[in-house]
Amino acid sequence: PDMPFWSASTGKGVTSTVAHVLVERGLFGYDTPI
């Protein structure tokens, strides 16, 4: 059960989640220019 699998673009959801956590903390907003 604890074994990691490389899972291709399923990881994009994880990437997005990291961004949302930082938006929640106020580090940037969705409409912040890159």
Full PDB file with SEQRES, HELIX, SHEET, SSBOND, CRYST1, ORIGX, SCALE, CONECT and MASTER records, all heavy atoms in Angstrom:
SEQRES   1 A   34  PRO ASP MET PRO PHE TRP SER ALA SER THR GLY LYS GLY          
SEQRES   2 A   34  VAL THR SER THR VAL ALA HIS VAL LEU VAL GLU ARG GLY          
SEQRES   3 A   34  LEU PHE GLY TYR ASP THR PRO ILE                              
HELIX    1 AA1 THR A   10  ARG A   25  1                                  16    
CRYST1    1.000    1.000    1.000  90.00  90.00  90.00 P 1           1          
ORIGX1      1.000000  0.000000  0.000000        0.00000                         
ORIGX2      0.000000  1.000000  0.000000        0.00000                         
ORIGX3      0.000000  0.000000  1.000000        0.00000                         
SCALE1      1.000000  0.000000  0.000000        0.00000                         
SCALE2      0.000000  1.000000  0.000000        0.00000                         
SCALE3      0.000000  0.000000  1.000000        0.00000                         
ATOM      1  N   PRO A   1       0.793  -1.235   0.000  1.00  0.00           N  
ATOM      2  CA  PRO A   1       0.000   0.000   0.000  1.00  0.00           C  
ATOM      3  C   PRO A   1       0.823   1.281   0.000  1.00  0.00           C  
ATOM      4  O   PRO A   1       0.360   2.318  -0.502  1.00  0.00           O  
ATOM      5  CB  PRO A   1      -0.825  -0.112   1.294  1.00  0.00           C  
ATOM      6  CG  PRO A   1      -0.914  -1.567   1.564  1.00  0.00           C  
ATOM      7  CD  PRO A   1       0.404  -2.131   1.118  1.00  0.00           C  
ATOM      8  N   ASP A   2       2.038   1.257   0.546  1.00  0.00           N  
ATOM      9  CA  ASP A   2       2.851   2.469   0.644  1.00  0.00           C  
ATOM     10  C   ASP A   2       3.831   2.625  -0.511  1.00  0.00           C  
ATOM     11  O   ASP A   2       4.682   3.509  -0.495  1.00  0.00           O  
ATOM     12  CB  ASP A   2       3.614   2.486   1.969  1.00  0.00           C  
ATOM     13  CG  ASP A   2       4.623   1.346   2.084  1.00  0.00           C  
ATOM     14  OD1 ASP A   2       4.536   0.382   1.290  1.00  0.00           O  
ATOM     15  OD2 ASP A   2       5.489   1.414   2.977  1.00  0.00           O  
ATOM     16  N   MET A   3       3.717   1.807  -1.528  1.00  0.00           N  
ATOM     17  CA  MET A   3       4.676   1.804  -2.635  1.00  0.00           C  
ATOM     18  C   MET A   3       4.359   2.906  -3.645  1.00  0.00           C  
ATOM     19  O   MET A   3       3.249   2.972  -4.171  1.00  0.00           O  
ATOM     20  CB  MET A   3       4.639   0.446  -3.340  1.00  0.00           C  
ATOM     21  CG  MET A   3       5.571   0.334  -4.543  1.00  0.00           C  
ATOM     22  SD  MET A   3       5.482  -1.329  -5.232  1.00  0.00           S  
ATOM     23  CE  MET A   3       6.306  -2.269  -3.948  1.00  0.00           C  
ATOM     24  N   PRO A   4       5.325   3.785  -3.951  1.00  0.00           N  
ATOM     25  CA  PRO A   4       5.068   4.813  -4.960  1.00  0.00           C  
ATOM     26  C   PRO A   4       5.197   4.261  -6.392  1.00  0.00           C  
ATOM     27  O   PRO A   4       6.054   3.422  -6.674  1.00  0.00           O  
ATOM     28  CB  PRO A   4       6.156   5.855  -4.683  1.00  0.00           C  
ATOM     29  CG  PRO A   4       6.693   5.534  -3.320  1.00  0.00           C  
ATOM     30  CD  PRO A   4       6.571   4.039  -3.203  1.00  0.00           C  
ATOM     31  N   PHE A   5       4.333   4.762  -7.256  1.00  0.00           N  
ATOM     32  CA  PHE A   5       4.341   4.464  -8.686  1.00  0.00           C  
ATOM     33  C   PHE A   5       4.531   5.786  -9.428  1.00  0.00           C  
ATOM     34  O   PHE A   5       3.857   6.772  -9.114  1.00  0.00           O  
ATOM     35  CB  PHE A   5       2.992   3.896  -9.147  1.00  0.00           C  
ATOM     36  CG  PHE A   5       2.694   2.486  -8.745  1.00  0.00           C  
ATOM     37  CD1 PHE A   5       2.612   2.109  -7.410  1.00  0.00           C  
ATOM     38  CD2 PHE A   5       2.433   1.520  -9.713  1.00  0.00           C  
ATOM     39  CE1 PHE A   5       2.304   0.809  -7.039  1.00  0.00           C  
ATOM     40  CE2 PHE A   5       2.118   0.218  -9.358  1.00  0.00           C  
ATOM     41  CZ  PHE A   5       2.058  -0.137  -8.025  1.00  0.00           C  
ATOM     42  N   TRP A   6       5.412   5.812 -10.439  1.00  0.00           N  
ATOM     43  CA  TRP A   6       5.436   6.990 -11.313  1.00  0.00           C  
ATOM     44  C   TRP A   6       4.136   6.988 -12.104  1.00  0.00           C  
ATOM     45  O   TRP A   6       3.790   5.992 -12.747  1.00  0.00           O  
ATOM     46  CB  TRP A   6       6.638   6.961 -12.251  1.00  0.00           C  
ATOM     47  CG  TRP A   6       6.721   8.222 -13.063  1.00  0.00           C  
ATOM     48  CD1 TRP A   6       7.137   9.450 -12.635  1.00  0.00           C  
ATOM     49  CD2 TRP A   6       6.346   8.395 -14.436  1.00  0.00           C  
ATOM     50  NE1 TRP A   6       7.046  10.375 -13.653  1.00  0.00           N  
ATOM     51  CE2 TRP A   6       6.558   9.753 -14.757  1.00  0.00           C  
ATOM     52  CE3 TRP A   6       5.836   7.540 -15.414  1.00  0.00           C  
ATOM     53  CZ2 TRP A   6       6.299  10.273 -16.026  1.00  0.00           C  
ATOM     54  CZ3 TRP A   6       5.573   8.043 -16.681  1.00  0.00           C  
ATOM     55  CH2 TRP A   6       5.812   9.396 -16.978  1.00  0.00           C  
ATOM     56  N   SER A   7       3.418   8.101 -12.054  1.00  0.00           N  
ATOM     57  CA  SER A   7       2.042   8.119 -12.558  1.00  0.00           C  
ATOM     58  C   SER A   7       1.761   9.230 -13.553  1.00  0.00           C  
ATOM     59  O   SER A   7       0.627   9.688 -13.692  1.00  0.00           O  
ATOM     60  CB  SER A   7       1.073   8.225 -11.367  1.00  0.00           C  
ATOM     61  OG  SER A   7       1.218   7.112 -10.510  1.00  0.00           O  
ATOM     62  N   ALA A   8       2.797   9.662 -14.284  1.00  0.00           N  
ATOM     63  CA  ALA A   8       2.650  10.618 -15.378  1.00  0.00           C  
ATOM     64  C   ALA A   8       1.775  11.804 -14.946  1.00  0.00           C  
ATOM     65  O   ALA A   8       1.928  12.332 -13.845  1.00  0.00           O  
ATOM     66  CB  ALA A   8       2.124   9.916 -16.628  1.00  0.00           C  
ATOM     67  N   SER A   9       0.844  12.226 -15.808  1.00  0.00           N  
ATOM     68  CA  SER A   9       0.129  13.484 -15.589  1.00  0.00           C  
ATOM     69  C   SER A   9      -0.859  13.469 -14.438  1.00  0.00           C  
ATOM     70  O   SER A   9      -1.427  14.514 -14.109  1.00  0.00           O  
ATOM     71  CB  SER A   9      -0.586  13.912 -16.873  1.00  0.00           C  
ATOM     72  OG  SER A   9       0.345  14.336 -17.837  1.00  0.00           O  
ATOM     73  N   THR A  10      -1.058  12.326 -13.801  1.00  0.00           N  
ATOM     74  CA  THR A  10      -1.796  12.345 -12.541  1.00  0.00           C  
ATOM     75  C   THR A  10      -1.116  13.320 -11.588  1.00  0.00           C  
ATOM     76  O   THR A  10      -1.766  13.950 -10.744  1.00  0.00           O  
ATOM     77  CB  THR A  10      -1.850  10.934 -11.931  1.00  0.00           C  
ATOM     78  OG1 THR A  10      -2.400  10.035 -12.897  1.00  0.00           O  
ATOM     79  CG2 THR A  10      -2.710  10.900 -10.682  1.00  0.00           C  
ATOM     80  N   GLY A  11       0.193  13.484 -11.755  1.00  0.00           N  
ATOM     81  CA  GLY A  11       0.957  14.424 -10.938  1.00  0.00           C  
ATOM     82  C   GLY A  11       0.578  15.878 -11.138  1.00  0.00           C  
ATOM     83  O   GLY A  11       0.850  16.716 -10.269  1.00  0.00           O  
ATOM     84  N   LYS A  12      -0.038  16.229 -12.268  1.00  0.00           N  
ATOM     85  CA  LYS A  12      -0.443  17.623 -12.483  1.00  0.00           C  
ATOM     86  C   LYS A  12      -1.458  18.071 -11.436  1.00  0.00           C  
ATOM     87  O   LYS A  12      -1.490  19.250 -11.054  1.00  0.00           O  
ATOM     88  CB  LYS A  12      -1.013  17.806 -13.889  1.00  0.00           C  
ATOM     89  CG  LYS A  12       0.020  17.771 -15.005  1.00  0.00           C  
ATOM     90  CD  LYS A  12      -0.621  18.082 -16.355  1.00  0.00           C  
ATOM     91  CE  LYS A  12       0.430  18.211 -17.459  1.00  0.00           C  
ATOM     92  NZ  LYS A  12       1.074  16.942 -17.794  1.00  0.00           N  
ATOM     93  N   GLY A  13      -2.300  17.150 -10.974  1.00  0.00           N  
ATOM     94  CA  GLY A  13      -3.239  17.509  -9.918  1.00  0.00           C  
ATOM     95  C   GLY A  13      -2.528  17.838  -8.621  1.00  0.00           C  
ATOM     96  O   GLY A  13      -2.977  18.699  -7.849  1.00  0.00           O  
ATOM     97  N   VAL A  14      -1.398  17.172  -8.380  1.00  0.00           N  
ATOM     98  CA  VAL A  14      -0.591  17.454  -7.192  1.00  0.00           C  
ATOM     99  C   VAL A  14       0.073  18.820  -7.335  1.00  0.00           C  
ATOM    100  O   VAL A  14       0.097  19.631  -6.398  1.00  0.00           O  
ATOM    101  CB  VAL A  14       0.456  16.344  -6.978  1.00  0.00           C  
ATOM    102  CG1 VAL A  14       1.281  16.610  -5.728  1.00  0.00           C  
ATOM    103  CG2 VAL A  14      -0.220  14.975  -6.905  1.00  0.00           C  
ATOM    104  N   THR A  15       0.603  19.106  -8.521  1.00  0.00           N  
ATOM    105  CA  THR A  15       1.218  20.405  -8.805  1.00  0.00           C  
ATOM    106  C   THR A  15       0.218  21.531  -8.569  1.00  0.00           C  
ATOM    107  O   THR A  15       0.531  22.541  -7.929  1.00  0.00           O  
ATOM    108  CB  THR A  15       1.723  20.435 -10.257  1.00  0.00           C  
ATOM    109  OG1 THR A  15       2.625  19.343 -10.464  1.00  0.00           O  
ATOM    110  CG2 THR A  15       2.418  21.735 -10.582  1.00  0.00           C  
ATOM    111  N   SER A  16      -0.988  21.362  -9.075  1.00  0.00           N  
ATOM    112  CA  SER A  16      -2.025  22.377  -8.909  1.00  0.00           C  
ATOM    113  C   SER A  16      -2.376  22.563  -7.441  1.00  0.00           C  
ATOM    114  O   SER A  16      -2.580  23.693  -6.973  1.00  0.00           O  
ATOM    115  CB  SER A  16      -3.277  21.984  -9.698  1.00  0.00           C  
ATOM    116  OG  SER A  16      -2.983  21.884 -11.078  1.00  0.00           O  
ATOM    117  N   THR A  17      -2.429  21.466  -6.712  1.00  0.00           N  
ATOM    118  CA  THR A  17      -2.757  21.549  -5.285  1.00  0.00           C  
ATOM    119  C   THR A  17      -1.721  22.371  -4.533  1.00  0.00           C  
ATOM    120  O   THR A  17      -2.069  23.190  -3.666  1.00  0.00           O  
ATOM    121  CB  THR A  17      -2.877  20.141  -4.689  1.00  0.00           C  
ATOM    122  OG1 THR A  17      -3.953  19.453  -5.338  1.00  0.00           O  
ATOM    123  CG2 THR A  17      -3.138  20.190  -3.196  1.00  0.00           C  
ATOM    124  N   VAL A  18      -0.439  22.170  -4.832  1.00  0.00           N  
ATOM    125  CA  VAL A  18       0.605  22.982  -4.209  1.00  0.00           C  
ATOM    126  C   VAL A  18       0.351  24.460  -4.469  1.00  0.00           C  
ATOM    127  O   VAL A  18       0.449  25.301  -3.551  1.00  0.00           O  
ATOM    128  CB  VAL A  18       2.001  22.561  -4.714  1.00  0.00           C  
ATOM    129  CG1 VAL A  18       3.070  23.539  -4.223  1.00  0.00           C  
ATOM    130  CG2 VAL A  18       2.336  21.150  -4.269  1.00  0.00           C  
ATOM    131  N   ALA A  19       0.010  24.798  -5.719  1.00  0.00           N  
ATOM    132  CA  ALA A  19      -0.263  26.203  -6.052  1.00  0.00           C  
ATOM    133  C   ALA A  19      -1.431  26.739  -5.236  1.00  0.00           C  
ATOM    134  O   ALA A  19      -1.379  27.866  -4.711  1.00  0.00           O  
ATOM    135  CB  ALA A  19      -0.536  26.335  -7.545  1.00  0.00           C  
ATOM    136  N   HIS A  20      -2.493  25.952  -5.091  1.00  0.00           N  
ATOM    137  CA  HIS A  20      -3.658  26.426  -4.344  1.00  0.00           C  
ATOM    138  C   HIS A  20      -3.345  26.653  -2.873  1.00  0.00           C  
ATOM    139  O   HIS A  20      -3.854  27.598  -2.255  1.00  0.00           O  
ATOM    140  CB  HIS A  20      -4.807  25.428  -4.490  1.00  0.00           C  
ATOM    141  CG  HIS A  20      -5.312  25.285  -5.884  1.00  0.00           C  
ATOM    142  ND1 HIS A  20      -5.554  26.372  -6.694  1.00  0.00           N  
ATOM    143  CD2 HIS A  20      -5.619  24.179  -6.622  1.00  0.00           C  
ATOM    144  CE1 HIS A  20      -5.992  25.949  -7.871  1.00  0.00           C  
ATOM    145  NE2 HIS A  20      -6.025  24.631  -7.850  1.00  0.00           N  
ATOM    146  N   VAL A  21      -2.529  25.798  -2.305  1.00  0.00           N  
ATOM    147  CA  VAL A  21      -2.135  25.976  -0.907  1.00  0.00           C  
ATOM    148  C   VAL A  21      -1.384  27.295  -0.733  1.00  0.00           C  
ATOM    149  O   VAL A  21      -1.577  28.020   0.256  1.00  0.00           O  
ATOM    150  CB  VAL A  21      -1.301  24.775  -0.430  1.00  0.00           C  
ATOM    151  CG1 VAL A  21      -0.654  25.049   0.919  1.00  0.00           C  
ATOM    152  CG2 VAL A  21      -2.173  23.522  -0.343  1.00  0.00           C  
ATOM    153  N   LEU A  22      -0.543  27.650  -1.710  1.00  0.00           N  
ATOM    154  CA  LEU A  22       0.202  28.902  -1.621  1.00  0.00           C  
ATOM    155  C   LEU A  22      -0.702  30.105  -1.858  1.00  0.00           C  
ATOM    156  O   LEU A  22      -0.500  31.166  -1.238  1.00  0.00           O  
ATOM    157  CB  LEU A  22       1.365  28.888  -2.617  1.00  0.00           C  
ATOM    158  CG  LEU A  22       2.435  27.820  -2.360  1.00  0.00           C  
ATOM    159  CD1 LEU A  22       3.581  27.980  -3.349  1.00  0.00           C  
ATOM    160  CD2 LEU A  22       2.957  27.864  -0.929  1.00  0.00           C  
ATOM    161  N   VAL A  23      -1.696  29.969  -2.736  1.00  0.00           N  
ATOM    162  CA  VAL A  23      -2.681  31.048  -2.893  1.00  0.00           C  
ATOM    163  C   VAL A  23      -3.444  31.242  -1.583  1.00  0.00           C  
ATOM    164  O   VAL A  23      -3.684  32.369  -1.138  1.00  0.00           O  
ATOM    165  CB  VAL A  23      -3.646  30.748  -4.053  1.00  0.00           C  
ATOM    166  CG1 VAL A  23      -4.786  31.772  -4.093  1.00  0.00           C  
ATOM    167  CG2 VAL A  23      -2.911  30.758  -5.397  1.00  0.00           C  
ATOM    168  N   GLU A  24      -3.801  30.127  -0.965  1.00  0.00           N  
ATOM    169  CA  GLU A  24      -4.504  30.183   0.323  1.00  0.00           C  
ATOM    170  C   GLU A  24      -3.665  30.947   1.366  1.00  0.00           C  
ATOM    171  O   GLU A  24      -4.218  31.673   2.199  1.00  0.00           O  
ATOM    172  CB  GLU A  24      -4.788  28.756   0.803  1.00  0.00           C  
ATOM    173  CG  GLU A  24      -5.622  28.663   2.056  1.00  0.00           C  
ATOM    174  CD  GLU A  24      -7.116  28.632   1.780  1.00  0.00           C  
ATOM    175  OE1 GLU A  24      -7.548  28.852   0.629  1.00  0.00           O  
ATOM    176  OE2 GLU A  24      -7.860  28.404   2.734  1.00  0.00           O  
ATOM    177  N   ARG A  25      -2.360  30.809   1.297  1.00  0.00           N  
ATOM    178  CA  ARG A  25      -1.458  31.481   2.237  1.00  0.00           C  
ATOM    179  C   ARG A  25      -1.169  32.925   1.838  1.00  0.00           C  
ATOM    180  O   ARG A  25      -0.525  33.656   2.590  1.00  0.00           O  
ATOM    181  CB  ARG A  25      -0.137  30.722   2.328  1.00  0.00           C  
ATOM    182  CG  ARG A  25      -0.219  29.433   3.140  1.00  0.00           C  
ATOM    183  CD  ARG A  25       1.138  28.748   3.213  1.00  0.00           C  
ATOM    184  NE  ARG A  25       2.222  29.698   3.493  1.00  0.00           N  
ATOM    185  CZ  ARG A  25       3.509  29.465   3.282  1.00  0.00           C  
ATOM    186  NH1 ARG A  25       3.887  28.294   2.762  1.00  0.00           N  
ATOM    187  NH2 ARG A  25       4.421  30.359   3.561  1.00  0.00           N  
ATOM    188  N   GLY A  26      -1.602  33.324   0.626  1.00  0.00           N  
ATOM    189  CA  GLY A  26      -1.432  34.703   0.194  1.00  0.00           C  
ATOM    190  C   GLY A  26      -0.133  35.010  -0.504  1.00  0.00           C  
ATOM    191  O   GLY A  26       0.216  36.189  -0.675  1.00  0.00           O  
ATOM    192  N   LEU A  27       0.602  33.985  -0.955  1.00  0.00           N  
ATOM    193  CA  LEU A  27       1.875  34.253  -1.623  1.00  0.00           C  
ATOM    194  C   LEU A  27       1.698  34.816  -3.028  1.00  0.00           C  
ATOM    195  O   LEU A  27       2.573  35.521  -3.535  1.00  0.00           O  
ATOM    196  CB  LEU A  27       2.734  32.975  -1.671  1.00  0.00           C  
ATOM    197  CG  LEU A  27       3.638  32.776  -0.444  1.00  0.00           C  
ATOM    198  CD1 LEU A  27       2.822  32.427   0.790  1.00  0.00           C  
ATOM    199  CD2 LEU A  27       4.690  31.717  -0.718  1.00  0.00           C  
ATOM    200  N   PHE A  28       0.607  34.490  -3.679  1.00  0.00           N  
ATOM    201  CA  PHE A  28       0.239  35.078  -4.969  1.00  0.00           C  
ATOM    202  C   PHE A  28      -1.237  34.788  -5.186  1.00  0.00           C  
ATOM    203  O   PHE A  28      -1.858  34.048  -4.412  1.00  0.00           O  
ATOM    204  CB  PHE A  28       1.088  34.527  -6.132  1.00  0.00           C  
ATOM    205  CG  PHE A  28       1.174  33.026  -6.199  1.00  0.00           C  
ATOM    206  CD1 PHE A  28       0.180  32.275  -6.813  1.00  0.00           C  
ATOM    207  CD2 PHE A  28       2.270  32.346  -5.664  1.00  0.00           C  
ATOM    208  CE1 PHE A  28       0.261  30.897  -6.879  1.00  0.00           C  
ATOM    209  CE2 PHE A  28       2.362  30.959  -5.727  1.00  0.00           C  
ATOM    210  CZ  PHE A  28       1.354  30.230  -6.335  1.00  0.00           C  
ATOM    211  N   GLY A  29      -1.795  35.384  -6.233  1.00  0.00           N  
ATOM    212  CA  GLY A  29      -3.195  35.165  -6.549  1.00  0.00           C  
ATOM    213  C   GLY A  29      -3.344  34.544  -7.918  1.00  0.00           C  
ATOM    214  O   GLY A  29      -2.381  34.467  -8.693  1.00  0.00           O  
ATOM    215  N   TYR A  30      -4.536  34.117  -8.256  1.00  0.00           N  
ATOM    216  CA  TYR A  30      -4.758  33.504  -9.562  1.00  0.00           C  
ATOM    217  C   TYR A  30      -4.584  34.504 -10.693  1.00  0.00           C  
ATOM    218  O   TYR A  30      -4.217  34.121 -11.808  1.00  0.00           O  
ATOM    219  CB  TYR A  30      -6.146  32.863  -9.617  1.00  0.00           C  
ATOM    220  CG  TYR A  30      -6.319  31.759  -8.600  1.00  0.00           C  
ATOM    221  CD1 TYR A  30      -7.329  31.823  -7.639  1.00  0.00           C  
ATOM    222  CD2 TYR A  30      -5.457  30.668  -8.569  1.00  0.00           C  
ATOM    223  CE1 TYR A  30      -7.479  30.834  -6.691  1.00  0.00           C  
ATOM    224  CE2 TYR A  30      -5.590  29.666  -7.627  1.00  0.00           C  
ATOM    225  CZ  TYR A  30      -6.607  29.753  -6.681  1.00  0.00           C  
ATOM    226  OH  TYR A  30      -6.740  28.765  -5.738  1.00  0.00           O  
ATOM    227  N   ASP A  31      -4.834  35.780 -10.417  1.00  0.00           N  
ATOM    228  CA  ASP A  31      -4.700  36.790 -11.467  1.00  0.00           C  
ATOM    229  C   ASP A  31      -3.386  37.554 -11.378  1.00  0.00           C  
ATOM    230  O   ASP A  31      -3.201  38.570 -12.048  1.00  0.00           O  
ATOM    231  CB  ASP A  31      -5.900  37.740 -11.416  1.00  0.00           C  
ATOM    232  CG  ASP A  31      -7.197  37.011 -11.752  1.00  0.00           C  
ATOM    233  OD1 ASP A  31      -7.193  36.236 -12.727  1.00  0.00           O  
ATOM    234  OD2 ASP A  31      -8.193  37.197 -11.028  1.00  0.00           O  
ATOM    235  N   THR A  32      -2.455  37.047 -10.579  1.00  0.00           N  
ATOM    236  CA  THR A  32      -1.099  37.607 -10.555  1.00  0.00           C  
ATOM    237  C   THR A  32      -0.410  37.312 -11.886  1.00  0.00           C  
ATOM    238  O   THR A  32      -0.377  36.152 -12.326  1.00  0.00           O  
ATOM    239  CB  THR A  32      -0.274  36.973  -9.418  1.00  0.00           C  
ATOM    240  OG1 THR A  32      -0.901  37.259  -8.173  1.00  0.00           O  
ATOM    241  CG2 THR A  32       1.148  37.501  -9.422  1.00  0.00           C  
ATOM    242  N   PRO A  33       0.107  38.328 -12.577  1.00  0.00           N  
ATOM    243  CA  PRO A  33       0.880  38.041 -13.794  1.00  0.00           C  
ATOM    244  C   PRO A  33       2.088  37.154 -13.466  1.00  0.00           C  
ATOM    245  O   PRO A  33       2.785  37.390 -12.479  1.00  0.00           O  
ATOM    246  CB  PRO A  33       1.324  39.433 -14.266  1.00  0.00           C  
ATOM    247  CG  PRO A  33       0.331  40.384 -13.661  1.00  0.00           C  
ATOM    248  CD  PRO A  33      -0.008  39.772 -12.321  1.00  0.00           C  
ATOM    249  N   ILE A  34       2.300  36.146 -14.284  1.00  0.00           N  
ATOM    250  CA  ILE A  34       3.440  35.257 -14.066  1.00  0.00           C  
ATOM    251  C   ILE A  34       4.740  36.058 -14.063  1.00  0.00           C  
ATOM    252  O   ILE A  34       5.638  35.823 -13.251  1.00  0.00           O  
ATOM    253  CB  ILE A  34       3.474  34.152 -15.135  1.00  0.00           C  
ATOM    254  CG1 ILE A  34       2.214  33.282 -15.041  1.00  0.00           C  
ATOM    255  CG2 ILE A  34       4.728  33.296 -14.992  1.00  0.00           C  
ATOM    256  CD1 ILE A  34       2.042  32.316 -16.197  1.00  0.00           C  
TER     257      ILE A  34                                                      
MASTER        0    0    0    1    0    0    0    6  256    1    0    3          
END                                                                             
